[in-house]
Amino acid sequence: MTRRPTDGKAEHGAFTPEELATARADLAAAEADAEYLSSSGASAA
């Protein structure tokens, strides 16, 4: 079953600005790691 972005909101309630900022920072860090790994030829596993 595919979860929609609204599913979490329904289960959790509205996200606070702090929760959104943390999630954005985590995503940015993961994207930076993925970009580094893809440019260096390294493997994530």
PDB file of N, CA and C in Angstrom:
ATOM      1  N   MET A   1       0.846  -1.188   0.000  1.00  0.00           N
ATOM      2  CA  MET A   1       0.000   0.000   0.000  1.00  0.00           C
ATOM      3  C   MET A   1       0.884   1.240   0.000  1.00  0.00           C
ATOM      4  N   THR A   2       0.626   2.146  -0.895  1.00  0.00           N
ATOM      5  CA  THR A   2       1.395   3.377  -0.985  1.00  0.00           C
ATOM      6  C   THR A   2       0.807   4.407  -0.038  1.00  0.00           C
ATOM      7  N   ARG A   3       1.690   5.008   0.739  1.00  0.00           N
ATOM      8  CA  ARG A   3       1.222   6.051   1.661  1.00  0.00           C
ATOM      9  C   ARG A   3       1.225   7.397   0.965  1.00  0.00           C
ATOM     10  N   ARG A   4       0.197   8.151   1.186  1.00  0.00           N
ATOM     11  CA  ARG A   4       0.126   9.510   0.674  1.00  0.00           C
ATOM     12  C   ARG A   4       0.741  10.442   1.708  1.00  0.00           C
ATOM     13  N   PRO A   5       1.278  11.583   1.278  1.00  0.00           N
ATOM     14  CA  PRO A   5       1.847  12.538   2.243  1.00  0.00           C
ATOM     15  C   PRO A   5       0.854  12.958   3.317  1.00  0.00           C
ATOM     16  N   THR A   6      -0.427  12.951   2.996  1.00  0.00           N
ATOM     17  CA  THR A   6      -1.429  13.365   3.975  1.00  0.00           C
ATOM     18  C   THR A   6      -1.682  12.297   5.035  1.00  0.00           C
ATOM     19  N   ASP A   7      -1.273  11.042   4.793  1.00  0.00           N
ATOM     20  CA  ASP A   7      -1.502   9.982   5.775  1.00  0.00           C
ATOM     21  C   ASP A   7      -0.832  10.290   7.103  1.00  0.00           C
ATOM     22  N   GLY A   8       0.406  10.762   7.056  1.00  0.00           N
ATOM     23  CA  GLY A   8       1.125  11.087   8.281  1.00  0.00           C
ATOM     24  C   GLY A   8       0.454  12.203   9.043  1.00  0.00           C
ATOM     25  N   LYS A   9      -0.029  13.187   8.326  1.00  0.00           N
ATOM     26  CA  LYS A   9      -0.713  14.302   8.979  1.00  0.00           C
ATOM     27  C   LYS A   9      -1.973  13.817   9.670  1.00  0.00           C
ATOM     28  N   ALA A  10      -2.701  12.917   9.044  1.00  0.00           N
ATOM     29  CA  ALA A  10      -3.925  12.399   9.645  1.00  0.00           C
ATOM     30  C   ALA A  10      -3.609  11.615  10.913  1.00  0.00           C
ATOM     31  N   GLU A  11      -2.519  10.878  10.915  1.00  0.00           N
ATOM     32  CA  GLU A  11      -2.142  10.074  12.079  1.00  0.00           C
ATOM     33  C   GLU A  11      -1.520  10.924  13.176  1.00  0.00           C
ATOM     34  N   HIS A  12      -0.779  11.941  12.796  1.00  0.00           N
ATOM     35  CA  HIS A  12       0.059  12.690  13.723  1.00  0.00           C
ATOM     36  C   HIS A  12      -0.538  14.026  14.116  1.00  0.00           C
ATOM     37  N   GLY A  13      -1.313  14.623  13.251  1.00  0.00           N
ATOM     38  CA  GLY A  13      -1.767  15.986  13.450  1.00  0.00           C
ATOM     39  C   GLY A  13      -0.838  16.899  12.663  1.00  0.00           C
ATOM     40  N   ALA A  14      -1.021  18.175  12.775  1.00  0.00           N
ATOM     41  CA  ALA A  14      -0.180  19.118  12.035  1.00  0.00           C
ATOM     42  C   ALA A  14       1.253  19.053  12.554  1.00  0.00           C
ATOM     43  N   PHE A  15       2.194  19.143  11.629  1.00  0.00           N
ATOM     44  CA  PHE A  15       3.597  19.143  12.017  1.00  0.00           C
ATOM     45  C   PHE A  15       4.006  20.533  12.470  1.00  0.00           C
ATOM     46  N   THR A  16       4.856  20.592  13.479  1.00  0.00           N
ATOM     47  CA  THR A  16       5.336  21.887  13.963  1.00  0.00           C
ATOM     48  C   THR A  16       6.433  22.393  13.040  1.00  0.00           C
ATOM     49  N   PRO A  17       6.701  23.684  13.056  1.00  0.00           N
ATOM     50  CA  PRO A  17       7.811  24.213  12.251  1.00  0.00           C
ATOM     51  C   PRO A  17       9.148  23.542  12.588  1.00  0.00           C
ATOM     52  N   GLU A  18       9.344  23.181  13.844  1.00  0.00           N
ATOM     53  CA  GLU A  18      10.580  22.505  14.240  1.00  0.00           C
ATOM     54  C   GLU A  18      10.690  21.118  13.625  1.00  0.00           C
ATOM     55  N   GLU A  19       9.565  20.390  13.592  1.00  0.00           N
ATOM     56  CA  GLU A  19       9.561  19.057  12.977  1.00  0.00           C
ATOM     57  C   GLU A  19       9.834  19.157  11.476  1.00  0.00           C
ATOM     58  N   LEU A  20       9.229  20.146  10.832  1.00  0.00           N
ATOM     59  CA  LEU A  20       9.472  20.337   9.400  1.00  0.00           C
ATOM     60  C   LEU A  20      10.922  20.710   9.136  1.00  0.00           C
ATOM     61  N   ALA A  21      11.486  21.570   9.961  1.00  0.00           N
ATOM     62  CA  ALA A  21      12.886  21.970   9.781  1.00  0.00           C
ATOM     63  C   ALA A  21      13.817  20.776   9.963  1.00  0.00           C
ATOM     64  N   THR A  22      13.531  19.940  10.942  1.00  0.00           N
ATOM     65  CA  THR A  22      14.345  18.745  11.167  1.00  0.00           C
ATOM     66  C   THR A  22      14.257  17.802   9.978  1.00  0.00           C
ATOM     67  N   ALA A  23      13.051  17.599   9.471  1.00  0.00           N
ATOM     68  CA  ALA A  23      12.858  16.717   8.315  1.00  0.00           C
ATOM     69  C   ALA A  23      13.591  17.263   7.092  1.00  0.00           C
ATOM     70  N   ARG A  24      13.506  18.571   6.877  1.00  0.00           N
ATOM     71  CA  ARG A  24      14.197  19.181   5.731  1.00  0.00           C
ATOM     72  C   ARG A  24      15.712  19.032   5.866  1.00  0.00           C
ATOM     73  N   ALA A  25      16.229  19.219   7.075  1.00  0.00           N
ATOM     74  CA  ALA A  25      17.665  19.071   7.297  1.00  0.00           C
ATOM     75  C   ALA A  25      18.109  17.629   7.058  1.00  0.00           C
ATOM     76  N   ASP A  26      17.301  16.673   7.519  1.00  0.00           N
ATOM     77  CA  ASP A  26      17.618  15.256   7.302  1.00  0.00           C
ATOM     78  C   ASP A  26      17.626  14.919   5.810  1.00  0.00           C
ATOM     79  N   LEU A  27      16.638  15.437   5.079  1.00  0.00           N
ATOM     80  CA  LEU A  27      16.578  15.186   3.636  1.00  0.00           C
ATOM     81  C   LEU A  27      17.758  15.827   2.924  1.00  0.00           C
ATOM     82  N   ALA A  28      18.116  17.034   3.312  1.00  0.00           N
ATOM     83  CA  ALA A  28      19.249  17.716   2.683  1.00  0.00           C
ATOM     84  C   ALA A  28      20.543  16.941   2.926  1.00  0.00           C
ATOM     85  N   ALA A  29      20.714  16.428   4.138  1.00  0.00           N
ATOM     86  CA  ALA A  29      21.911  15.648   4.450  1.00  0.00           C
ATOM     87  C   ALA A  29      21.944  14.356   3.642  1.00  0.00           C
ATOM     88  N   ALA A  30      20.800  13.694   3.518  1.00  0.00           N
ATOM     89  CA  ALA A  30      20.731  12.454   2.739  1.00  0.00           C
ATOM     90  C   ALA A  30      21.018  12.725   1.261  1.00  0.00           C
ATOM     91  N   GLU A  31      20.496  13.832   0.739  1.00  0.00           N
ATOM     92  CA  GLU A  31      20.760  14.185  -0.652  1.00  0.00           C
ATOM     93  C   GLU A  31      22.240  14.501  -0.867  1.00  0.00           C
ATOM     94  N   ALA A  32      22.857  15.188   0.084  1.00  0.00           N
ATOM     95  CA  ALA A  32      24.284  15.498  -0.023  1.00  0.00           C
ATOM     96  C   ALA A  32      25.106  14.209  -0.003  1.00  0.00           C
ATOM     97  N   ASP A  33      24.732  13.269   0.865  1.00  0.00           N
ATOM     98  CA  ASP A  33      25.427  11.976   0.911  1.00  0.00           C
ATOM     99  C   ASP A  33      25.276  11.232  -0.411  1.00  0.00           C
ATOM    100  N   ALA A  34      24.070  11.221  -0.946  1.00  0.00           N
ATOM    101  CA  ALA A  34      23.820  10.510  -2.202  1.00  0.00           C
ATOM    102  C   ALA A  34      24.596  11.154  -3.344  1.00  0.00           C
ATOM    103  N   GLU A  35      24.637  12.468  -3.371  1.00  0.00           N
ATOM    104  CA  GLU A  35      25.378  13.155  -4.426  1.00  0.00           C
ATOM    105  C   GLU A  35      26.870  12.862  -4.309  1.00  0.00           C
ATOM    106  N   TYR A  36      27.402  12.877  -3.085  1.00  0.00           N
ATOM    107  CA  TYR A  36      28.806  12.563  -2.872  1.00  0.00           C
ATOM    108  C   TYR A  36      29.115  11.135  -3.327  1.00  0.00           C
ATOM    109  N   LEU A  37      28.260  10.198  -2.926  1.00  0.00           N
ATOM    110  CA  LEU A  37      28.498   8.812  -3.282  1.00  0.00           C
ATOM    111  C   LEU A  37      28.435   8.606  -4.787  1.00  0.00           C
ATOM    112  N   SER A  38      27.497   9.257  -5.447  1.00  0.00           N
ATOM    113  CA  SER A  38      27.367   9.075  -6.895  1.00  0.00           C
ATOM    114  C   SER A  38      28.535   9.738  -7.636  1.00  0.00           C
ATOM    115  N   SER A  39      29.044  10.848  -7.125  1.00  0.00           N
ATOM    116  CA  SER A  39      30.139  11.532  -7.805  1.00  0.00           C
ATOM    117  C   SER A  39      31.499  10.882  -7.516  1.00  0.00           C
ATOM    118  N   SER A  40      31.610  10.190  -6.383  1.00  0.00           N
ATOM    119  CA  SER A  40      32.880   9.574  -6.022  1.00  0.00           C
ATOM    120  C   SER A  40      32.995   8.130  -6.522  1.00  0.00           C
ATOM    121  N   GLY A  41      31.895   7.595  -7.006  1.00  0.00           N
ATOM    122  CA  GLY A  41      31.894   6.206  -7.451  1.00  0.00           C
ATOM    123  C   GLY A  41      31.791   5.221  -6.319  1.00  0.00           C
ATOM    124  N   ALA A  42      31.554   5.719  -5.107  1.00  0.00           N
ATOM    125  CA  ALA A  42      31.429   4.848  -3.932  1.00  0.00           C
ATOM    126  C   ALA A  42      30.050   4.207  -3.917  1.00  0.00           C
ATOM    127  N   SER A  43      29.925   3.196  -3.085  1.00  0.00           N
ATOM    128  CA  SER A  43      28.652   2.488  -2.960  1.00  0.00           C
ATOM    129  C   SER A  43      28.074   2.749  -1.578  1.00  0.00           C
ATOM    130  N   ALA A  44      26.757   2.910  -1.484  1.00  0.00           N
ATOM    131  CA  ALA A  44      26.104   3.160  -0.195  1.00  0.00           C
ATOM    132  C   ALA A  44      26.061   1.899   0.646  1.00  0.00           C
ATOM    133  N   ALA A  45      26.156   0.729   0.057  1.00  0.00           N
ATOM    134  CA  ALA A  45      26.065  -0.518   0.827  1.00  0.00           C
ATOM    135  C   ALA A  45      27.405  -1.154   1.028  1.00  0.00           C
TER     136      ALA A  45
END
